[in-house]
Structure formats: C-alpha cells, structure tokens
Amino acid sequence: MLFLCTGNSARSILAEALLNHLGAGRFEASSAGSQPRGAVHPLALETLKRHGLVAEGFRSKSWDEFAAPGAPAFDHIITVCDNAAQEACPLWPGRPATAHWSIPDPAAVSGPGADAAFESVYRDLESRIRALVAS
C-alpha cells in the first residue's frame, strides 16, 4: 500500500507507520509526495513516539521513486490530502486500486494547537487503518 500526500511530511508518514504497525506483517506500507518537503515534520515523529510506534527511518520522498522502472508494485494507493487527490498521478506499475481519504493537514497548524492537530489526524488515520486491517 502506498500513501500519498503533497509534502510527504506528516499525514502520509503517519499512515505508513500505522499500517506497518497495525498490519502486523500482513501489509507493507510506504509513503511519498508529489512535492516532498524534504524532511519529516518533527511533530509527526513525536506523535508516533507518543503512541509507541517506530519513529526512525522515515524520509520525505517523491512519488517518482515509486513510478520508476523496477519500483515495487502496489495493490492499493491511498491519497490522504485533497491536493494530491486532484493532481495527475504517475502511471503506477501493476495498476493498483486507488482511494482517497480527505485528512486535514496538521502541518498547517502552528502554535499551541499543533500537537492537538497531529493527535487528531493520528486518531483519524488509526480508526481508518484499523477498519482496513480488520476487513
């Protein structure tokens, strides 16, 4: 499963970590962005740590990495932001099924509400991913 967002710094990273954790080996998740920011948002990593998930090894990367010859084929691709859902995606190897989850961008929130924004997005993604792995 590939989770896509524009910046690949928050939502798609959280989704990748959650599916790899909750999927318990039944799923393999990756994430990417159409215009990667180049770094994972520190609050995304703090949120993962706070919930006892692995928070190391993540990087903000382009979706081109997964559309190149020799890239792994995905069964499913889920966009987690409205911007990425409206962009023209590359042709993915294997023609995976696609879906869109409209999740607000916690990285757009600054100041005292930022932690709460990341927590809210984490809980939303956790709920969706728990339902996914249960099916």
N, C-alpha and C. Protein backbone atom coordinates (compact mmCIF):
# COMPACT_ATOMS: atom_id res chain seq x y z
N MET A 1 0.86 -1.17 0.00
CA MET A 1 0.00 0.00 0.00
C MET A 1 0.90 1.23 0.00
N LEU A 2 0.53 2.20 -0.83
CA LEU A 2 1.27 3.46 -0.90
C LEU A 2 0.34 4.59 -0.49
N PHE A 3 0.76 5.36 0.51
CA PHE A 3 0.01 6.54 0.95
C PHE A 3 0.65 7.77 0.33
N LEU A 4 -0.17 8.59 -0.31
CA LEU A 4 0.33 9.77 -1.00
C LEU A 4 -0.23 11.05 -0.39
N CYS A 5 0.63 12.04 -0.37
CA CYS A 5 0.25 13.38 0.05
C CYS A 5 1.12 14.34 -0.76
N THR A 6 0.89 15.60 -0.63
CA THR A 6 1.71 16.55 -1.38
C THR A 6 3.14 16.59 -0.83
N GLY A 7 3.28 16.90 0.47
CA GLY A 7 4.61 17.11 1.04
C GLY A 7 5.29 15.89 1.61
N ASN A 8 4.55 14.80 1.85
CA ASN A 8 5.10 13.60 2.47
C ASN A 8 5.91 13.93 3.72
N SER A 9 5.28 14.73 4.60
CA SER A 9 5.98 15.09 5.83
C SER A 9 5.16 14.79 7.08
N ALA A 10 3.86 14.54 6.93
CA ALA A 10 3.02 14.34 8.12
C ALA A 10 2.00 13.22 7.91
N ARG A 11 0.87 13.51 7.24
CA ARG A 11 -0.23 12.54 7.12
C ARG A 11 0.20 11.22 6.51
N SER A 12 0.87 11.27 5.38
CA SER A 12 1.26 10.02 4.71
C SER A 12 2.29 9.25 5.52
N ILE A 13 3.15 9.95 6.23
CA ILE A 13 4.13 9.30 7.11
C ILE A 13 3.41 8.61 8.26
N LEU A 14 2.44 9.29 8.89
CA LEU A 14 1.67 8.68 9.98
C LEU A 14 0.93 7.44 9.48
N ALA A 15 0.32 7.54 8.29
CA ALA A 15 -0.42 6.40 7.73
C ALA A 15 0.51 5.23 7.46
N GLU A 16 1.68 5.50 6.90
CA GLU A 16 2.66 4.44 6.63
C GLU A 16 3.03 3.72 7.93
N ALA A 17 3.35 4.48 8.95
CA ALA A 17 3.76 3.90 10.23
C ALA A 17 2.62 3.10 10.85
N LEU A 18 1.42 3.64 10.81
CA LEU A 18 0.27 2.95 11.40
C LEU A 18 -0.04 1.64 10.70
N LEU A 19 -0.06 1.64 9.37
CA LEU A 19 -0.37 0.39 8.68
C LEU A 19 0.71 -0.65 8.88
N ASN A 20 1.96 -0.24 8.86
CA ASN A 20 3.03 -1.21 9.11
C ASN A 20 2.94 -1.78 10.52
N HIS A 21 2.51 -0.97 11.47
CA HIS A 21 2.37 -1.44 12.85
C HIS A 21 1.11 -2.29 13.03
N LEU A 22 -0.04 -1.74 12.67
CA LEU A 22 -1.31 -2.43 12.88
C LEU A 22 -1.50 -3.62 11.94
N GLY A 23 -0.87 -3.57 10.79
CA GLY A 23 -0.98 -4.66 9.83
C GLY A 23 -0.23 -5.90 10.24
N ALA A 24 0.66 -5.77 11.21
CA ALA A 24 1.39 -6.89 11.82
C ALA A 24 1.94 -7.87 10.77
N GLY A 25 2.59 -7.34 9.74
CA GLY A 25 3.21 -8.19 8.73
C GLY A 25 2.29 -8.59 7.60
N ARG A 26 1.01 -8.35 7.72
CA ARG A 26 0.07 -8.68 6.64
C ARG A 26 0.07 -7.62 5.54
N PHE A 27 0.54 -6.44 5.87
CA PHE A 27 0.57 -5.33 4.94
C PHE A 27 1.98 -4.74 4.93
N GLU A 28 2.34 -4.18 3.79
CA GLU A 28 3.59 -3.43 3.71
C GLU A 28 3.25 -2.06 3.14
N ALA A 29 3.49 -1.03 3.94
CA ALA A 29 3.13 0.33 3.55
C ALA A 29 4.37 1.18 3.27
N SER A 30 4.20 2.10 2.34
CA SER A 30 5.19 3.12 2.04
C SER A 30 4.43 4.43 1.89
N SER A 31 5.17 5.53 1.80
CA SER A 31 4.53 6.82 1.58
C SER A 31 5.42 7.67 0.69
N ALA A 32 4.78 8.64 0.03
CA ALA A 32 5.51 9.54 -0.86
C ALA A 32 4.68 10.80 -1.07
N GLY A 33 5.30 11.77 -1.74
CA GLY A 33 4.61 13.02 -2.01
C GLY A 33 4.84 13.50 -3.42
N SER A 34 3.90 14.28 -3.92
CA SER A 34 4.04 14.85 -5.26
C SER A 34 5.08 15.97 -5.26
N GLN A 35 5.18 16.67 -4.14
CA GLN A 35 6.17 17.74 -3.97
C GLN A 35 6.76 17.62 -2.57
N PRO A 36 7.58 16.59 -2.35
CA PRO A 36 8.06 16.33 -1.00
C PRO A 36 8.80 17.52 -0.39
N ARG A 37 8.55 17.70 0.90
CA ARG A 37 9.18 18.82 1.62
C ARG A 37 10.66 18.57 1.89
N GLY A 38 11.07 17.33 1.83
CA GLY A 38 12.48 17.01 2.05
C GLY A 38 12.79 16.60 3.47
N ALA A 39 11.84 16.78 4.39
CA ALA A 39 12.04 16.39 5.78
C ALA A 39 10.69 16.02 6.38
N VAL A 40 10.73 15.07 7.29
CA VAL A 40 9.51 14.68 8.01
C VAL A 40 9.28 15.72 9.11
N HIS A 41 8.03 16.10 9.28
CA HIS A 41 7.68 17.09 10.30
C HIS A 41 8.01 16.51 11.68
N PRO A 42 8.72 17.26 12.52
CA PRO A 42 9.09 16.76 13.85
C PRO A 42 7.89 16.32 14.69
N LEU A 43 6.75 17.00 14.57
CA LEU A 43 5.58 16.60 15.37
C LEU A 43 4.99 15.28 14.88
N ALA A 44 5.19 14.93 13.63
CA ALA A 44 4.75 13.61 13.16
C ALA A 44 5.55 12.53 13.88
N LEU A 45 6.85 12.74 13.97
CA LEU A 45 7.71 11.76 14.66
C LEU A 45 7.40 11.72 16.16
N GLU A 46 7.16 12.87 16.77
CA GLU A 46 6.81 12.91 18.19
C GLU A 46 5.49 12.19 18.45
N THR A 47 4.53 12.35 17.53
CA THR A 47 3.23 11.69 17.67
C THR A 47 3.41 10.18 17.61
N LEU A 48 4.21 9.71 16.69
CA LEU A 48 4.46 8.27 16.60
C LEU A 48 5.10 7.75 17.89
N LYS A 49 6.09 8.44 18.39
CA LYS A 49 6.76 8.04 19.63
C LYS A 49 5.78 8.01 20.80
N ARG A 50 4.94 9.02 20.88
CA ARG A 50 3.97 9.11 21.98
C ARG A 50 3.03 7.90 22.00
N HIS A 51 2.79 7.32 20.81
CA HIS A 51 1.90 6.15 20.71
C HIS A 51 2.67 4.83 20.66
N GLY A 52 3.96 4.88 20.91
CA GLY A 52 4.76 3.66 20.98
C GLY A 52 5.10 3.05 19.63
N LEU A 53 5.02 3.83 18.56
CA LEU A 53 5.37 3.33 17.23
C LEU A 53 6.79 3.72 16.87
N VAL A 54 7.37 2.97 15.97
CA VAL A 54 8.71 3.28 15.47
C VAL A 54 8.67 4.64 14.80
N ALA A 55 9.63 5.48 15.13
CA ALA A 55 9.68 6.83 14.57
C ALA A 55 11.01 7.10 13.87
N GLU A 56 11.75 6.06 13.57
CA GLU A 56 13.04 6.22 12.89
C GLU A 56 12.93 5.66 11.48
N GLY A 57 13.80 6.16 10.61
CA GLY A 57 13.90 5.63 9.26
C GLY A 57 12.96 6.26 8.24
N PHE A 58 12.14 7.20 8.65
CA PHE A 58 11.23 7.84 7.71
C PHE A 58 11.95 8.98 7.00
N ARG A 59 11.58 9.18 5.75
CA ARG A 59 12.11 10.32 5.00
C ARG A 59 11.05 10.81 4.03
N SER A 60 11.09 12.07 3.73
CA SER A 60 10.17 12.68 2.78
C SER A 60 10.71 12.41 1.38
N LYS A 61 9.89 11.72 0.56
CA LYS A 61 10.38 11.30 -0.75
C LYS A 61 9.32 11.54 -1.84
N SER A 62 9.79 11.61 -3.07
CA SER A 62 8.92 11.85 -4.21
C SER A 62 8.21 10.59 -4.65
N TRP A 63 6.99 10.78 -5.15
CA TRP A 63 6.27 9.63 -5.69
C TRP A 63 6.93 9.09 -6.94
N ASP A 64 7.81 9.89 -7.58
CA ASP A 64 8.54 9.41 -8.76
C ASP A 64 9.36 8.17 -8.44
N GLU A 65 9.81 8.07 -7.21
CA GLU A 65 10.58 6.91 -6.76
C GLU A 65 9.80 5.61 -6.94
N PHE A 66 8.50 5.69 -6.80
CA PHE A 66 7.65 4.50 -6.87
C PHE A 66 7.00 4.30 -8.23
N ALA A 67 7.24 5.22 -9.16
CA ALA A 67 6.70 5.09 -10.51
C ALA A 67 7.80 4.72 -11.51
N ALA A 68 9.03 4.67 -11.05
CA ALA A 68 10.17 4.38 -11.91
C ALA A 68 10.23 2.88 -12.25
N PRO A 69 10.85 2.55 -13.37
CA PRO A 69 11.03 1.13 -13.71
C PRO A 69 11.75 0.40 -12.57
N GLY A 70 11.26 -0.78 -12.26
CA GLY A 70 11.87 -1.57 -11.19
C GLY A 70 11.33 -1.26 -9.80
N ALA A 71 10.45 -0.27 -9.70
CA ALA A 71 9.86 0.07 -8.40
C ALA A 71 8.89 -1.03 -7.98
N PRO A 72 8.68 -1.18 -6.68
CA PRO A 72 7.72 -2.20 -6.25
C PRO A 72 6.31 -1.88 -6.73
N ALA A 73 5.56 -2.93 -7.02
CA ALA A 73 4.16 -2.74 -7.42
C ALA A 73 3.30 -2.72 -6.17
N PHE A 74 2.32 -1.84 -6.16
CA PHE A 74 1.41 -1.73 -5.02
C PHE A 74 0.03 -2.24 -5.42
N ASP A 75 -0.65 -2.85 -4.46
CA ASP A 75 -2.02 -3.29 -4.69
C ASP A 75 -3.00 -2.13 -4.55
N HIS A 76 -2.67 -1.20 -3.65
CA HIS A 76 -3.55 -0.07 -3.36
C HIS A 76 -2.73 1.21 -3.17
N ILE A 77 -3.32 2.31 -3.60
CA ILE A 77 -2.74 3.62 -3.37
C ILE A 77 -3.84 4.49 -2.78
N ILE A 78 -3.52 5.13 -1.65
CA ILE A 78 -4.48 5.99 -0.98
C ILE A 78 -3.90 7.39 -0.86
N THR A 79 -4.61 8.37 -1.41
CA THR A 79 -4.22 9.76 -1.20
C THR A 79 -4.86 10.20 0.11
N VAL A 80 -4.10 10.93 0.90
CA VAL A 80 -4.59 11.37 2.21
C VAL A 80 -4.74 12.89 2.30
N CYS A 81 -4.54 13.57 1.18
CA CYS A 81 -4.79 15.01 1.17
C CYS A 81 -5.50 15.38 -0.12
N ASP A 82 -6.32 16.40 -0.04
CA ASP A 82 -7.13 16.79 -1.19
C ASP A 82 -6.29 17.27 -2.36
N ASN A 83 -5.17 17.94 -2.09
CA ASN A 83 -4.32 18.42 -3.18
C ASN A 83 -3.78 17.26 -4.00
N ALA A 84 -3.23 16.24 -3.35
CA ALA A 84 -2.67 15.11 -4.07
C ALA A 84 -3.74 14.36 -4.84
N ALA A 85 -4.95 14.32 -4.31
CA ALA A 85 -6.04 13.61 -4.98
C ALA A 85 -6.42 14.28 -6.30
N GLN A 86 -6.16 15.59 -6.42
CA GLN A 86 -6.52 16.32 -7.63
C GLN A 86 -5.38 16.39 -8.63
N GLU A 87 -4.20 15.95 -8.25
CA GLU A 87 -3.06 16.02 -9.16
C GLU A 87 -3.04 14.82 -10.10
N ALA A 88 -2.41 15.02 -11.24
CA ALA A 88 -2.25 13.92 -12.18
C ALA A 88 -1.14 13.01 -11.65
N CYS A 89 -1.51 11.82 -11.28
CA CYS A 89 -0.55 10.86 -10.72
C CYS A 89 0.22 10.17 -11.83
N PRO A 90 1.41 9.68 -11.51
CA PRO A 90 2.14 8.87 -12.48
C PRO A 90 1.37 7.58 -12.78
N LEU A 91 1.79 6.89 -13.82
CA LEU A 91 1.25 5.56 -14.09
C LEU A 91 1.98 4.59 -13.17
N TRP A 92 1.23 3.92 -12.32
CA TRP A 92 1.82 3.04 -11.33
C TRP A 92 1.97 1.64 -11.88
N PRO A 93 3.09 0.99 -11.62
CA PRO A 93 3.24 -0.41 -12.04
C PRO A 93 2.13 -1.27 -11.44
N GLY A 94 1.56 -2.15 -12.24
CA GLY A 94 0.56 -3.09 -11.74
C GLY A 94 -0.85 -2.55 -11.67
N ARG A 95 -1.07 -1.27 -11.99
CA ARG A 95 -2.40 -0.67 -11.96
C ARG A 95 -3.15 -0.90 -10.65
N PRO A 96 -2.65 -0.37 -9.56
CA PRO A 96 -3.28 -0.58 -8.25
C PRO A 96 -4.64 0.12 -8.12
N ALA A 97 -5.45 -0.41 -7.23
CA ALA A 97 -6.71 0.24 -6.89
C ALA A 97 -6.38 1.53 -6.13
N THR A 98 -7.19 2.55 -6.31
CA THR A 98 -6.93 3.82 -5.62
C THR A 98 -8.13 4.24 -4.79
N ALA A 99 -7.84 5.01 -3.76
CA ALA A 99 -8.88 5.55 -2.88
C ALA A 99 -8.39 6.89 -2.36
N HIS A 100 -9.31 7.69 -1.84
CA HIS A 100 -8.95 8.99 -1.27
C HIS A 100 -9.55 9.14 0.12
N TRP A 101 -8.72 9.53 1.05
CA TRP A 101 -9.15 9.88 2.41
C TRP A 101 -8.85 11.35 2.60
N SER A 102 -9.85 12.17 2.78
CA SER A 102 -9.66 13.61 2.98
C SER A 102 -9.29 13.86 4.44
N ILE A 103 -8.02 14.09 4.69
CA ILE A 103 -7.50 14.28 6.05
C ILE A 103 -6.90 15.70 6.12
N PRO A 104 -7.29 16.50 7.11
CA PRO A 104 -6.71 17.85 7.21
C PRO A 104 -5.20 17.80 7.49
N ASP A 105 -4.52 18.83 7.05
CA ASP A 105 -3.06 18.89 7.19
C ASP A 105 -2.66 19.41 8.57
N PRO A 106 -2.15 18.56 9.45
CA PRO A 106 -1.74 19.04 10.76
C PRO A 106 -0.52 19.95 10.70
N ALA A 107 0.27 19.82 9.64
CA ALA A 107 1.46 20.67 9.50
C ALA A 107 1.09 22.12 9.21
N ALA A 108 -0.16 22.35 8.82
CA ALA A 108 -0.62 23.71 8.56
C ALA A 108 -0.97 24.45 9.85
N VAL A 109 -1.01 23.72 10.96
CA VAL A 109 -1.34 24.32 12.25
C VAL A 109 -0.05 24.63 13.01
N SER A 110 0.07 25.84 13.47
CA SER A 110 1.25 26.21 14.26
C SER A 110 0.81 26.71 15.62
N GLY A 111 1.76 26.87 16.49
CA GLY A 111 1.46 27.37 17.82
C GLY A 111 0.90 26.32 18.74
N PRO A 112 0.12 26.75 19.73
CA PRO A 112 -0.35 25.84 20.77
C PRO A 112 -1.27 24.73 20.28
N GLY A 113 -1.92 24.90 19.14
CA GLY A 113 -2.83 23.87 18.65
C GLY A 113 -2.18 22.79 17.80
N ALA A 114 -0.89 22.91 17.54
CA ALA A 114 -0.23 21.98 16.63
C ALA A 114 -0.24 20.54 17.16
N ASP A 115 0.09 20.36 18.43
CA ASP A 115 0.08 19.00 19.00
C ASP A 115 -1.30 18.36 18.89
N ALA A 116 -2.33 19.13 19.17
CA ALA A 116 -3.70 18.62 19.09
C ALA A 116 -4.08 18.28 17.65
N ALA A 117 -3.60 19.06 16.69
CA ALA A 117 -3.89 18.77 15.28
C ALA A 117 -3.26 17.45 14.86
N PHE A 118 -2.02 17.22 15.26
CA PHE A 118 -1.35 15.96 14.93
C PHE A 118 -2.05 14.79 15.62
N GLU A 119 -2.46 14.98 16.85
CA GLU A 119 -3.15 13.91 17.58
C GLU A 119 -4.48 13.59 16.91
N SER A 120 -5.22 14.58 16.48
CA SER A 120 -6.49 14.37 15.81
C SER A 120 -6.31 13.59 14.50
N VAL A 121 -5.33 13.98 13.72
CA VAL A 121 -5.05 13.28 12.46
C VAL A 121 -4.60 11.85 12.74
N TYR A 122 -3.77 11.67 13.75
CA TYR A 122 -3.33 10.31 14.11
C TYR A 122 -4.54 9.44 14.43
N ARG A 123 -5.45 9.94 15.26
CA ARG A 123 -6.62 9.15 15.66
C ARG A 123 -7.53 8.85 14.47
N ASP A 124 -7.69 9.81 13.57
CA ASP A 124 -8.50 9.58 12.37
C ASP A 124 -7.87 8.48 11.51
N LEU A 125 -6.58 8.59 11.26
CA LEU A 125 -5.88 7.57 10.47
C LEU A 125 -5.91 6.21 11.16
N GLU A 126 -5.71 6.21 12.48
CA GLU A 126 -5.72 4.95 13.22
C GLU A 126 -7.08 4.26 13.07
N SER A 127 -8.16 5.01 13.16
CA SER A 127 -9.50 4.44 13.01
C SER A 127 -9.70 3.85 11.62
N ARG A 128 -9.30 4.57 10.60
CA ARG A 128 -9.45 4.09 9.23
C ARG A 128 -8.59 2.86 8.98
N ILE A 129 -7.37 2.88 9.48
CA ILE A 129 -6.46 1.76 9.24
C ILE A 129 -6.87 0.54 10.04
N ARG A 130 -7.38 0.72 11.25
CA ARG A 130 -7.91 -0.43 12.00
C ARG A 130 -9.04 -1.10 11.23
N ALA A 131 -9.92 -0.31 10.64
CA ALA A 131 -11.01 -0.86 9.84
C ALA A 131 -10.47 -1.57 8.60
N LEU A 132 -9.43 -1.02 8.00
CA LEU A 132 -8.82 -1.63 6.81
C LEU A 132 -8.22 -2.99 7.15
N VAL A 133 -7.46 -3.07 8.22
CA VAL A 133 -6.80 -4.34 8.54
C VAL A 133 -7.79 -5.38 9.07
N ALA A 134 -8.95 -4.93 9.55
CA ALA A 134 -9.96 -5.86 10.05
C ALA A 134 -10.76 -6.50 8.92
N SER A 135 -10.72 -5.88 7.73
CA SER A 135 -11.54 -6.40 6.63
C SER A 135 -10.88 -7.56 5.91
